[in-house]
Amino acid sequence: MAEEAQQLMDKFKAWEPKVSNWDPDHRPSPTPGTIYSADDTYRFVWRTTIWLFKNTASVLASEIVIEWARAQCTVSPSVSCSATLERAVRTQKELCQELIESTVYYLKEFRSSQPGMRTIGGYGLLWPIYVLSTSSTSTLETMIWITEQSEKVAEEFGIRQAKVMADFLRMYTTLPVNG
């Protein structure tokens, strides 16, 4: 299963869907100063959704590789096993960083969209935020960031599910107060 997950990650990295203006190495971005039609805006959100889902699925696949490597290191520890685990963790951290940067970027872009597009864009950000929260490499700092982004999606896009996510995550990111 870990080999299949790694193959899937490799396929996602090389994948080029047949959509206009697609660049597998750069997140879809509007051209500054350009006024877009509703159709152009929908296409931008569509490309954005594909980009986010591709990267989110890669993080999920990397989780399988990490768990497999951890299990192998537990069963028969070795230098090569440790190297495999370190490589898997490093890969996931890179994937998560790209997903974080993309989320920040698209939060900003969707904020300035038309109301309908803003809502669709906000919903599109929930899955990447959720997957980041379940990633093995997420630190407390990352979880606090995820909580803050969920709050932004709830407040700025009017998406209640994001508020539920933020409230749930806050239970794990807030230190208890000793009385």
N, C-alpha and C. Protein backbone atom coordinates (compact mmCIF):
# COMPACT_ATOMS: atom_id res chain seq x y z
N MET A 1 0.81 -1.18 0.00
CA MET A 1 0.00 0.00 0.00
C MET A 1 0.87 1.26 0.00
N ALA A 2 1.98 1.22 0.72
CA ALA A 2 2.87 2.38 0.77
C ALA A 2 3.47 2.65 -0.61
N GLU A 3 3.80 1.59 -1.35
CA GLU A 3 4.33 1.78 -2.70
C GLU A 3 3.29 2.43 -3.60
N GLU A 4 2.04 1.98 -3.47
CA GLU A 4 0.96 2.57 -4.26
C GLU A 4 0.77 4.04 -3.89
N ALA A 5 0.85 4.34 -2.60
CA ALA A 5 0.71 5.73 -2.15
C ALA A 5 1.84 6.59 -2.73
N GLN A 6 3.08 6.05 -2.72
CA GLN A 6 4.21 6.79 -3.27
C GLN A 6 4.03 6.99 -4.78
N GLN A 7 3.56 5.96 -5.47
CA GLN A 7 3.30 6.09 -6.91
C GLN A 7 2.23 7.14 -7.18
N LEU A 8 1.21 7.16 -6.33
CA LEU A 8 0.16 8.16 -6.48
C LEU A 8 0.72 9.56 -6.29
N MET A 9 1.58 9.74 -5.30
CA MET A 9 2.20 11.05 -5.08
C MET A 9 3.02 11.46 -6.30
N ASP A 10 3.75 10.51 -6.87
CA ASP A 10 4.55 10.81 -8.07
C ASP A 10 3.65 11.18 -9.25
N LYS A 11 2.54 10.46 -9.39
CA LYS A 11 1.60 10.77 -10.48
C LYS A 11 0.99 12.15 -10.30
N PHE A 12 0.63 12.49 -9.07
CA PHE A 12 0.07 13.82 -8.82
C PHE A 12 1.08 14.91 -9.15
N LYS A 13 2.33 14.66 -8.82
CA LYS A 13 3.36 15.67 -9.09
C LYS A 13 3.49 15.93 -10.59
N ALA A 14 3.40 14.88 -11.38
CA ALA A 14 3.56 15.00 -12.83
C ALA A 14 2.25 15.28 -13.57
N TRP A 15 1.13 15.16 -12.90
CA TRP A 15 -0.18 15.25 -13.53
C TRP A 15 -0.45 16.63 -14.10
N GLU A 16 -0.94 16.67 -15.31
CA GLU A 16 -1.33 17.91 -15.96
C GLU A 16 -2.72 17.75 -16.53
N PRO A 17 -3.75 18.19 -15.81
CA PRO A 17 -5.10 18.06 -16.34
C PRO A 17 -5.26 18.91 -17.59
N LYS A 18 -6.18 18.54 -18.41
CA LYS A 18 -6.40 19.26 -19.66
C LYS A 18 -7.34 20.44 -19.42
N VAL A 19 -6.82 21.43 -18.69
CA VAL A 19 -7.57 22.66 -18.45
C VAL A 19 -6.70 23.83 -18.89
N SER A 20 -7.34 24.89 -19.33
CA SER A 20 -6.58 26.04 -19.82
C SER A 20 -5.75 26.67 -18.71
N ASN A 21 -4.62 27.19 -19.09
CA ASN A 21 -3.72 27.91 -18.18
C ASN A 21 -3.23 27.07 -17.00
N TRP A 22 -3.06 25.77 -17.20
CA TRP A 22 -2.59 24.90 -16.11
C TRP A 22 -1.08 24.81 -16.14
N ASP A 23 -0.45 25.03 -15.01
CA ASP A 23 0.99 24.85 -14.85
C ASP A 23 1.18 24.00 -13.60
N PRO A 24 1.69 22.77 -13.74
CA PRO A 24 1.79 21.88 -12.58
C PRO A 24 2.73 22.38 -11.48
N ASP A 25 3.60 23.32 -11.81
CA ASP A 25 4.57 23.81 -10.83
C ASP A 25 4.17 25.13 -10.16
N HIS A 26 3.06 25.71 -10.58
CA HIS A 26 2.64 27.00 -10.01
C HIS A 26 1.14 27.00 -9.75
N ARG A 27 0.76 27.48 -8.59
CA ARG A 27 -0.67 27.53 -8.27
C ARG A 27 -1.37 28.51 -9.20
N PRO A 28 -2.59 28.18 -9.59
CA PRO A 28 -3.35 29.09 -10.46
C PRO A 28 -3.52 30.46 -9.79
N SER A 29 -3.30 31.50 -10.57
CA SER A 29 -3.39 32.86 -10.04
C SER A 29 -4.05 33.77 -11.07
N PRO A 30 -4.86 34.71 -10.60
CA PRO A 30 -5.41 35.68 -11.54
C PRO A 30 -4.33 36.69 -11.92
N THR A 31 -4.48 37.30 -13.07
CA THR A 31 -3.54 38.33 -13.50
C THR A 31 -3.93 39.64 -12.82
N PRO A 32 -3.01 40.25 -12.07
CA PRO A 32 -3.34 41.49 -11.36
C PRO A 32 -3.82 42.58 -12.32
N GLY A 33 -4.83 43.33 -11.89
CA GLY A 33 -5.33 44.44 -12.68
C GLY A 33 -6.28 44.06 -13.79
N THR A 34 -6.55 42.78 -13.96
CA THR A 34 -7.44 42.32 -15.01
C THR A 34 -8.86 42.18 -14.46
N ILE A 35 -9.83 42.66 -15.21
CA ILE A 35 -11.23 42.48 -14.82
C ILE A 35 -11.73 41.23 -15.54
N TYR A 36 -12.19 40.28 -14.75
CA TYR A 36 -12.62 39.00 -15.29
C TYR A 36 -14.13 38.91 -15.39
N SER A 37 -14.57 38.17 -16.39
CA SER A 37 -16.00 37.88 -16.52
C SER A 37 -16.36 36.81 -15.50
N ALA A 38 -17.66 36.60 -15.32
CA ALA A 38 -18.11 35.55 -14.39
C ALA A 38 -17.57 34.20 -14.83
N ASP A 39 -17.53 33.96 -16.14
CA ASP A 39 -17.02 32.69 -16.65
C ASP A 39 -15.54 32.51 -16.30
N ASP A 40 -14.76 33.57 -16.46
CA ASP A 40 -13.34 33.51 -16.11
C ASP A 40 -13.15 33.25 -14.62
N THR A 41 -14.00 33.86 -13.81
CA THR A 41 -13.91 33.67 -12.36
C THR A 41 -14.21 32.23 -12.00
N TYR A 42 -15.24 31.65 -12.61
CA TYR A 42 -15.56 30.24 -12.35
C TYR A 42 -14.40 29.34 -12.76
N ARG A 43 -13.78 29.64 -13.89
CA ARG A 43 -12.64 28.83 -14.34
C ARG A 43 -11.47 28.93 -13.36
N PHE A 44 -11.25 30.13 -12.82
CA PHE A 44 -10.20 30.31 -11.83
C PHE A 44 -10.48 29.47 -10.59
N VAL A 45 -11.71 29.51 -10.10
CA VAL A 45 -12.06 28.72 -8.92
C VAL A 45 -11.94 27.24 -9.24
N TRP A 46 -12.31 26.84 -10.43
CA TRP A 46 -12.21 25.44 -10.84
C TRP A 46 -10.75 24.99 -10.84
N ARG A 47 -9.86 25.77 -11.45
CA ARG A 47 -8.43 25.43 -11.46
C ARG A 47 -7.87 25.42 -10.04
N THR A 48 -8.30 26.36 -9.24
CA THR A 48 -7.86 26.43 -7.85
C THR A 48 -8.27 25.18 -7.09
N THR A 49 -9.51 24.76 -7.28
CA THR A 49 -10.01 23.56 -6.61
C THR A 49 -9.20 22.34 -7.02
N ILE A 50 -8.90 22.22 -8.30
CA ILE A 50 -8.08 21.10 -8.78
C ILE A 50 -6.71 21.15 -8.12
N TRP A 51 -6.09 22.32 -8.08
CA TRP A 51 -4.77 22.50 -7.47
C TRP A 51 -4.78 22.09 -6.01
N LEU A 52 -5.76 22.60 -5.27
CA LEU A 52 -5.84 22.28 -3.84
C LEU A 52 -6.11 20.80 -3.60
N PHE A 53 -7.01 20.21 -4.38
CA PHE A 53 -7.31 18.79 -4.19
C PHE A 53 -6.12 17.92 -4.55
N LYS A 54 -5.39 18.28 -5.59
CA LYS A 54 -4.19 17.52 -5.97
C LYS A 54 -3.18 17.53 -4.83
N ASN A 55 -2.94 18.71 -4.27
CA ASN A 55 -1.98 18.82 -3.17
C ASN A 55 -2.49 18.18 -1.89
N THR A 56 -3.77 18.29 -1.64
CA THR A 56 -4.35 17.67 -0.45
C THR A 56 -4.28 16.16 -0.54
N ALA A 57 -4.59 15.61 -1.71
CA ALA A 57 -4.51 14.16 -1.90
C ALA A 57 -3.07 13.68 -1.75
N SER A 58 -2.11 14.49 -2.16
CA SER A 58 -0.70 14.12 -1.99
C SER A 58 -0.33 14.05 -0.51
N VAL A 59 -0.85 14.96 0.30
CA VAL A 59 -0.59 14.92 1.75
C VAL A 59 -1.20 13.65 2.33
N LEU A 60 -2.41 13.31 1.92
CA LEU A 60 -3.05 12.08 2.41
C LEU A 60 -2.23 10.85 2.03
N ALA A 61 -1.75 10.79 0.79
CA ALA A 61 -0.93 9.66 0.36
C ALA A 61 0.38 9.61 1.15
N SER A 62 0.95 10.77 1.42
CA SER A 62 2.21 10.79 2.18
C SER A 62 2.00 10.27 3.60
N GLU A 63 0.80 10.42 4.13
CA GLU A 63 0.49 9.90 5.46
C GLU A 63 0.60 8.38 5.48
N ILE A 64 0.16 7.74 4.42
CA ILE A 64 0.27 6.28 4.32
C ILE A 64 1.73 5.86 4.29
N VAL A 65 2.54 6.58 3.52
CA VAL A 65 3.97 6.27 3.44
C VAL A 65 4.63 6.43 4.81
N ILE A 66 4.30 7.49 5.52
CA ILE A 66 4.87 7.72 6.86
C ILE A 66 4.48 6.60 7.81
N GLU A 67 3.21 6.25 7.84
CA GLU A 67 2.75 5.20 8.77
C GLU A 67 3.39 3.86 8.43
N TRP A 68 3.55 3.55 7.15
CA TRP A 68 4.21 2.31 6.75
C TRP A 68 5.67 2.32 7.22
N ALA A 69 6.36 3.44 7.00
CA ALA A 69 7.77 3.54 7.40
C ALA A 69 7.91 3.42 8.91
N ARG A 70 7.01 4.03 9.65
CA ARG A 70 7.05 3.92 11.12
C ARG A 70 6.86 2.47 11.55
N ALA A 71 5.93 1.79 10.93
CA ALA A 71 5.68 0.38 11.28
C ALA A 71 6.91 -0.46 10.96
N GLN A 72 7.55 -0.21 9.82
CA GLN A 72 8.75 -0.97 9.44
C GLN A 72 9.88 -0.72 10.43
N CYS A 73 10.02 0.52 10.87
CA CYS A 73 11.07 0.85 11.83
C CYS A 73 10.81 0.20 13.19
N THR A 74 9.56 0.01 13.52
CA THR A 74 9.21 -0.66 14.78
C THR A 74 9.49 -2.15 14.70
N VAL A 75 9.14 -2.76 13.57
CA VAL A 75 9.29 -4.21 13.39
C VAL A 75 10.75 -4.59 13.22
N SER A 76 11.46 -3.90 12.34
CA SER A 76 12.87 -4.22 12.13
C SER A 76 13.66 -2.93 11.90
N PRO A 77 14.09 -2.31 12.98
CA PRO A 77 14.83 -1.05 12.88
C PRO A 77 16.12 -1.22 12.07
N SER A 78 16.39 -0.24 11.24
CA SER A 78 17.63 -0.24 10.47
C SER A 78 17.92 1.18 10.01
N VAL A 79 19.13 1.39 9.52
CA VAL A 79 19.51 2.70 9.02
C VAL A 79 18.68 3.06 7.80
N SER A 80 18.48 2.08 6.90
CA SER A 80 17.70 2.37 5.69
C SER A 80 16.24 2.66 6.03
N CYS A 81 15.73 1.96 7.03
CA CYS A 81 14.34 2.20 7.46
C CYS A 81 14.21 3.61 8.03
N SER A 82 15.15 4.00 8.85
CA SER A 82 15.14 5.35 9.43
C SER A 82 15.25 6.41 8.34
N ALA A 83 16.09 6.14 7.34
CA ALA A 83 16.24 7.08 6.22
C ALA A 83 14.94 7.20 5.43
N THR A 84 14.26 6.07 5.24
CA THR A 84 12.98 6.08 4.53
C THR A 84 11.96 6.91 5.30
N LEU A 85 11.91 6.72 6.61
CA LEU A 85 10.98 7.49 7.44
C LEU A 85 11.31 8.98 7.40
N GLU A 86 12.58 9.31 7.53
CA GLU A 86 12.99 10.72 7.48
C GLU A 86 12.62 11.35 6.15
N ARG A 87 12.81 10.62 5.06
CA ARG A 87 12.47 11.12 3.72
C ARG A 87 10.96 11.33 3.60
N ALA A 88 10.18 10.39 4.13
CA ALA A 88 8.71 10.49 4.07
C ALA A 88 8.22 11.68 4.87
N VAL A 89 8.80 11.89 6.04
CA VAL A 89 8.41 13.03 6.89
C VAL A 89 8.79 14.34 6.20
N ARG A 90 10.00 14.40 5.65
CA ARG A 90 10.46 15.61 4.96
C ARG A 90 9.55 15.93 3.77
N THR A 91 9.18 14.89 3.02
CA THR A 91 8.29 15.09 1.87
C THR A 91 6.95 15.64 2.32
N GLN A 92 6.40 15.06 3.41
CA GLN A 92 5.10 15.54 3.87
C GLN A 92 5.20 16.98 4.37
N LYS A 93 6.27 17.32 5.04
CA LYS A 93 6.43 18.70 5.51
C LYS A 93 6.45 19.67 4.33
N GLU A 94 7.13 19.29 3.25
CA GLU A 94 7.17 20.13 2.06
C GLU A 94 5.78 20.27 1.45
N LEU A 95 5.06 19.14 1.35
CA LEU A 95 3.70 19.17 0.81
C LEU A 95 2.78 20.03 1.67
N CYS A 96 2.90 19.88 2.98
CA CYS A 96 2.06 20.67 3.90
C CYS A 96 2.39 22.15 3.81
N GLN A 97 3.67 22.47 3.66
CA GLN A 97 4.05 23.88 3.54
C GLN A 97 3.44 24.49 2.29
N GLU A 98 3.47 23.76 1.18
CA GLU A 98 2.85 24.26 -0.06
C GLU A 98 1.34 24.43 0.15
N LEU A 99 0.72 23.50 0.84
CA LEU A 99 -0.72 23.59 1.09
C LEU A 99 -1.03 24.78 2.00
N ILE A 100 -0.20 25.03 2.99
CA ILE A 100 -0.38 26.19 3.87
C ILE A 100 -0.26 27.48 3.06
N GLU A 101 0.79 27.58 2.26
CA GLU A 101 1.00 28.78 1.45
C GLU A 101 -0.14 28.99 0.47
N SER A 102 -0.62 27.91 -0.14
CA SER A 102 -1.74 28.01 -1.07
C SER A 102 -3.01 28.44 -0.36
N THR A 103 -3.23 27.92 0.84
CA THR A 103 -4.42 28.28 1.60
C THR A 103 -4.41 29.77 1.94
N VAL A 104 -3.27 30.27 2.40
CA VAL A 104 -3.14 31.70 2.71
C VAL A 104 -3.40 32.52 1.45
N TYR A 105 -2.81 32.12 0.36
CA TYR A 105 -2.96 32.84 -0.91
C TYR A 105 -4.42 32.86 -1.34
N TYR A 106 -5.08 31.70 -1.32
CA TYR A 106 -6.46 31.64 -1.80
C TYR A 106 -7.45 32.27 -0.84
N LEU A 107 -7.15 32.28 0.45
CA LEU A 107 -8.00 33.03 1.38
C LEU A 107 -8.05 34.50 0.93
N LYS A 108 -6.89 35.03 0.60
CA LYS A 108 -6.81 36.42 0.15
C LYS A 108 -7.53 36.61 -1.19
N GLU A 109 -7.30 35.70 -2.13
CA GLU A 109 -7.92 35.82 -3.45
C GLU A 109 -9.43 35.69 -3.39
N PHE A 110 -9.92 34.72 -2.63
CA PHE A 110 -11.37 34.49 -2.57
C PHE A 110 -12.09 35.60 -1.83
N ARG A 111 -11.40 36.26 -0.91
CA ARG A 111 -12.01 37.38 -0.18
C ARG A 111 -12.49 38.47 -1.13
N SER A 112 -11.74 38.68 -2.20
CA SER A 112 -12.07 39.76 -3.13
C SER A 112 -12.97 39.30 -4.27
N SER A 113 -13.47 38.08 -4.21
CA SER A 113 -14.34 37.54 -5.27
C SER A 113 -15.78 37.99 -5.07
N GLN A 114 -16.59 37.70 -6.09
CA GLN A 114 -18.03 37.92 -5.99
C GLN A 114 -18.59 37.02 -4.90
N PRO A 115 -19.71 37.40 -4.28
CA PRO A 115 -20.25 36.61 -3.15
C PRO A 115 -20.39 35.11 -3.43
N GLY A 116 -20.93 34.73 -4.56
CA GLY A 116 -21.10 33.30 -4.87
C GLY A 116 -19.77 32.58 -4.98
N MET A 117 -18.81 33.23 -5.62
CA MET A 117 -17.49 32.63 -5.78
C MET A 117 -16.77 32.59 -4.44
N ARG A 118 -17.00 33.59 -3.62
CA ARG A 118 -16.37 33.63 -2.30
C ARG A 118 -16.82 32.42 -1.48
N THR A 119 -18.11 32.11 -1.54
CA THR A 119 -18.63 30.97 -0.78
C THR A 119 -18.06 29.66 -1.32
N ILE A 120 -18.07 29.49 -2.63
CA ILE A 120 -17.52 28.27 -3.23
C ILE A 120 -16.04 28.14 -2.88
N GLY A 121 -15.31 29.24 -3.00
CA GLY A 121 -13.89 29.22 -2.66
C GLY A 121 -13.65 28.89 -1.20
N GLY A 122 -14.46 29.45 -0.32
CA GLY A 122 -14.34 29.15 1.11
C GLY A 122 -14.57 27.69 1.41
N TYR A 123 -15.60 27.11 0.80
CA TYR A 123 -15.84 25.67 0.98
C TYR A 123 -14.66 24.86 0.47
N GLY A 124 -14.07 25.30 -0.65
CA GLY A 124 -12.93 24.59 -1.21
C GLY A 124 -11.71 24.59 -0.31
N LEU A 125 -11.64 25.53 0.63
CA LEU A 125 -10.50 25.61 1.55
C LEU A 125 -10.67 24.72 2.77
N LEU A 126 -11.88 24.24 3.02
CA LEU A 126 -12.10 23.42 4.21
C LEU A 126 -11.34 22.09 4.17
N TRP A 127 -11.36 21.41 3.03
CA TRP A 127 -10.71 20.10 2.97
C TRP A 127 -9.20 20.22 3.20
N PRO A 128 -8.50 21.12 2.52
CA PRO A 128 -7.06 21.24 2.80
C PRO A 128 -6.78 21.58 4.26
N ILE A 129 -7.59 22.45 4.84
CA ILE A 129 -7.38 22.81 6.25
C ILE A 129 -7.58 21.59 7.14
N TYR A 130 -8.63 20.82 6.85
CA TYR A 130 -8.89 19.61 7.65
C TYR A 130 -7.74 18.61 7.51
N VAL A 131 -7.30 18.36 6.28
CA VAL A 131 -6.23 17.38 6.07
C VAL A 131 -4.94 17.83 6.75
N LEU A 132 -4.65 19.11 6.72
CA LEU A 132 -3.48 19.61 7.46
C LEU A 132 -3.61 19.31 8.94
N SER A 133 -4.83 19.38 9.46
CA SER A 133 -5.03 19.13 10.90
C SER A 133 -4.82 17.67 11.27
N THR A 134 -4.92 16.76 10.30
CA THR A 134 -4.74 15.33 10.58
C THR A 134 -3.37 14.82 10.18
N SER A 135 -2.54 15.67 9.65
CA SER A 135 -1.21 15.29 9.17
C SER A 135 -0.29 14.94 10.34
N SER A 136 0.50 13.89 10.16
CA SER A 136 1.46 13.46 11.19
C SER A 136 2.47 14.53 11.54
N THR A 137 2.78 15.39 10.60
CA THR A 137 3.83 16.37 10.81
C THR A 137 3.31 17.70 11.35
N SER A 138 2.02 17.80 11.60
CA SER A 138 1.46 19.05 12.14
C SER A 138 1.92 19.25 13.58
N THR A 139 2.44 20.42 13.83
CA THR A 139 2.90 20.78 15.17
C THR A 139 1.80 21.58 15.87
N LEU A 140 2.01 21.90 17.13
CA LEU A 140 1.05 22.74 17.85
C LEU A 140 0.92 24.09 17.14
N GLU A 141 2.03 24.62 16.68
CA GLU A 141 2.01 25.89 15.95
C GLU A 141 1.13 25.78 14.69
N THR A 142 1.26 24.67 13.97
CA THR A 142 0.44 24.45 12.78
C THR A 142 -1.03 24.34 13.16
N MET A 143 -1.31 23.63 14.24
CA MET A 143 -2.70 23.46 14.67
C MET A 143 -3.32 24.80 15.07
N ILE A 144 -2.55 25.65 15.71
CA ILE A 144 -3.04 26.99 16.05
C ILE A 144 -3.32 27.77 14.78
N TRP A 145 -2.42 27.69 13.81
CA TRP A 145 -2.61 28.35 12.52
C TRP A 145 -3.88 27.83 11.85
N ILE A 146 -4.08 26.52 11.85
CA ILE A 146 -5.27 25.91 11.24
C ILE A 146 -6.53 26.43 11.93
N THR A 147 -6.50 26.52 13.24
CA THR A 147 -7.64 27.05 14.00
C THR A 147 -7.95 28.48 13.56
N GLU A 148 -6.92 29.29 13.43
CA GLU A 148 -7.10 30.68 13.01
C GLU A 148 -7.66 30.77 11.59
N GLN A 149 -7.16 29.92 10.69
CA GLN A 149 -7.65 29.95 9.31
C GLN A 149 -9.10 29.49 9.24
N SER A 150 -9.44 28.50 10.05
CA SER A 150 -10.83 28.03 10.10
C SER A 150 -11.75 29.16 10.56
N GLU A 151 -11.30 29.91 11.55
CA GLU A 151 -12.07 31.07 12.02
C GLU A 151 -12.26 32.08 10.89
N LYS A 152 -11.19 32.34 10.14
CA LYS A 152 -11.29 33.29 9.02
C LYS A 152 -12.30 32.82 7.99
N VAL A 153 -12.24 31.53 7.64
CA VAL A 153 -13.19 30.99 6.66
C VAL A 153 -14.61 31.15 7.19
N ALA A 154 -14.81 30.89 8.47
CA ALA A 154 -16.15 31.02 9.07
C ALA A 154 -16.62 32.48 9.03
N GLU A 155 -15.78 33.39 9.47
CA GLU A 155 -16.17 34.79 9.58
C GLU A 155 -16.26 35.49 8.23
N GLU A 156 -15.28 35.27 7.37
CA GLU A 156 -15.21 36.03 6.12
C GLU A 156 -16.00 35.41 4.98
N PHE A 157 -16.29 34.12 5.08
CA PHE A 157 -17.00 33.45 4.00
C PHE A 157 -18.37 32.94 4.45
N GLY A 158 -18.66 33.07 5.75
CA GLY A 158 -19.96 32.67 6.27
C GLY A 158 -20.21 31.17 6.25
N ILE A 159 -19.16 30.39 6.45
CA ILE A 159 -19.29 28.93 6.38
C ILE A 159 -19.23 28.37 7.80
N ARG A 160 -20.38 27.89 8.26
CA ARG A 160 -20.49 27.43 9.65
C ARG A 160 -19.62 26.22 9.96
N GLN A 161 -19.43 25.34 8.99
CA GLN A 161 -18.59 24.16 9.23
C GLN A 161 -17.19 24.57 9.66
N ALA A 162 -16.70 25.67 9.14
CA ALA A 162 -15.37 26.15 9.51
C ALA A 162 -15.35 26.59 10.98
N LYS A 163 -16.43 27.16 11.46
CA LYS A 163 -16.52 27.55 12.87
C LYS A 163 -16.52 26.32 13.76
N VAL A 164 -17.24 25.28 13.35
CA VAL A 164 -17.25 24.02 14.11
C VAL A 164 -15.84 23.45 14.17
N MET A 165 -15.14 23.46 13.03
CA MET A 165 -13.77 22.96 12.99
C MET A 165 -12.87 23.77 13.91
N ALA A 166 -12.99 25.08 13.86
CA ALA A 166 -12.16 25.94 14.71
C ALA A 166 -12.43 25.68 16.18
N ASP A 167 -13.70 25.57 16.54
CA ASP A 167 -14.04 25.30 17.94
C ASP A 167 -13.50 23.96 18.40
N PHE A 168 -13.61 22.95 17.55
CA PHE A 168 -13.10 21.62 17.89
C PHE A 168 -11.59 21.65 18.06
N LEU A 169 -10.89 22.26 17.12
CA LEU A 169 -9.42 22.32 17.19
C LEU A 169 -8.94 23.15 18.38
N ARG A 170 -9.71 24.15 18.74
CA ARG A 170 -9.32 25.00 19.87
C ARG A 170 -9.19 24.18 21.15
N MET A 171 -9.98 23.10 21.27
CA MET A 171 -9.87 22.24 22.45
C MET A 171 -8.47 21.64 22.57
N TYR A 172 -7.81 21.44 21.44
CA TYR A 172 -6.49 20.80 21.43
C TYR A 172 -5.35 21.81 21.36
N THR A 173 -5.67 23.06 21.11
CA THR A 173 -4.60 24.05 20.97
C THR A 173 -4.58 25.06 22.11
N THR A 174 -5.51 24.94 23.02
CA THR A 174 -5.57 25.85 24.16
C THR A 174 -5.11 25.10 25.40
N LEU A 175 -4.13 25.66 26.07
CA LEU A 175 -3.62 25.03 27.28
C LEU A 175 -4.64 25.21 28.41
N PRO A 176 -4.85 24.18 29.22
CA PRO A 176 -5.80 24.32 30.33
C PRO A 176 -5.28 25.32 31.36
N VAL A 177 -6.20 26.04 31.94
CA VAL A 177 -5.86 27.03 32.96
C VAL A 177 -5.95 26.33 34.32
N ASN A 178 -4.85 26.36 35.07
CA ASN A 178 -4.85 25.74 36.40
C ASN A 178 -5.44 26.72 37.40
N GLY A 179 -6.42 26.24 38.15
CA GLY A 179 -7.12 27.12 39.07
C GLY A 179 -6.59 27.08 40.39
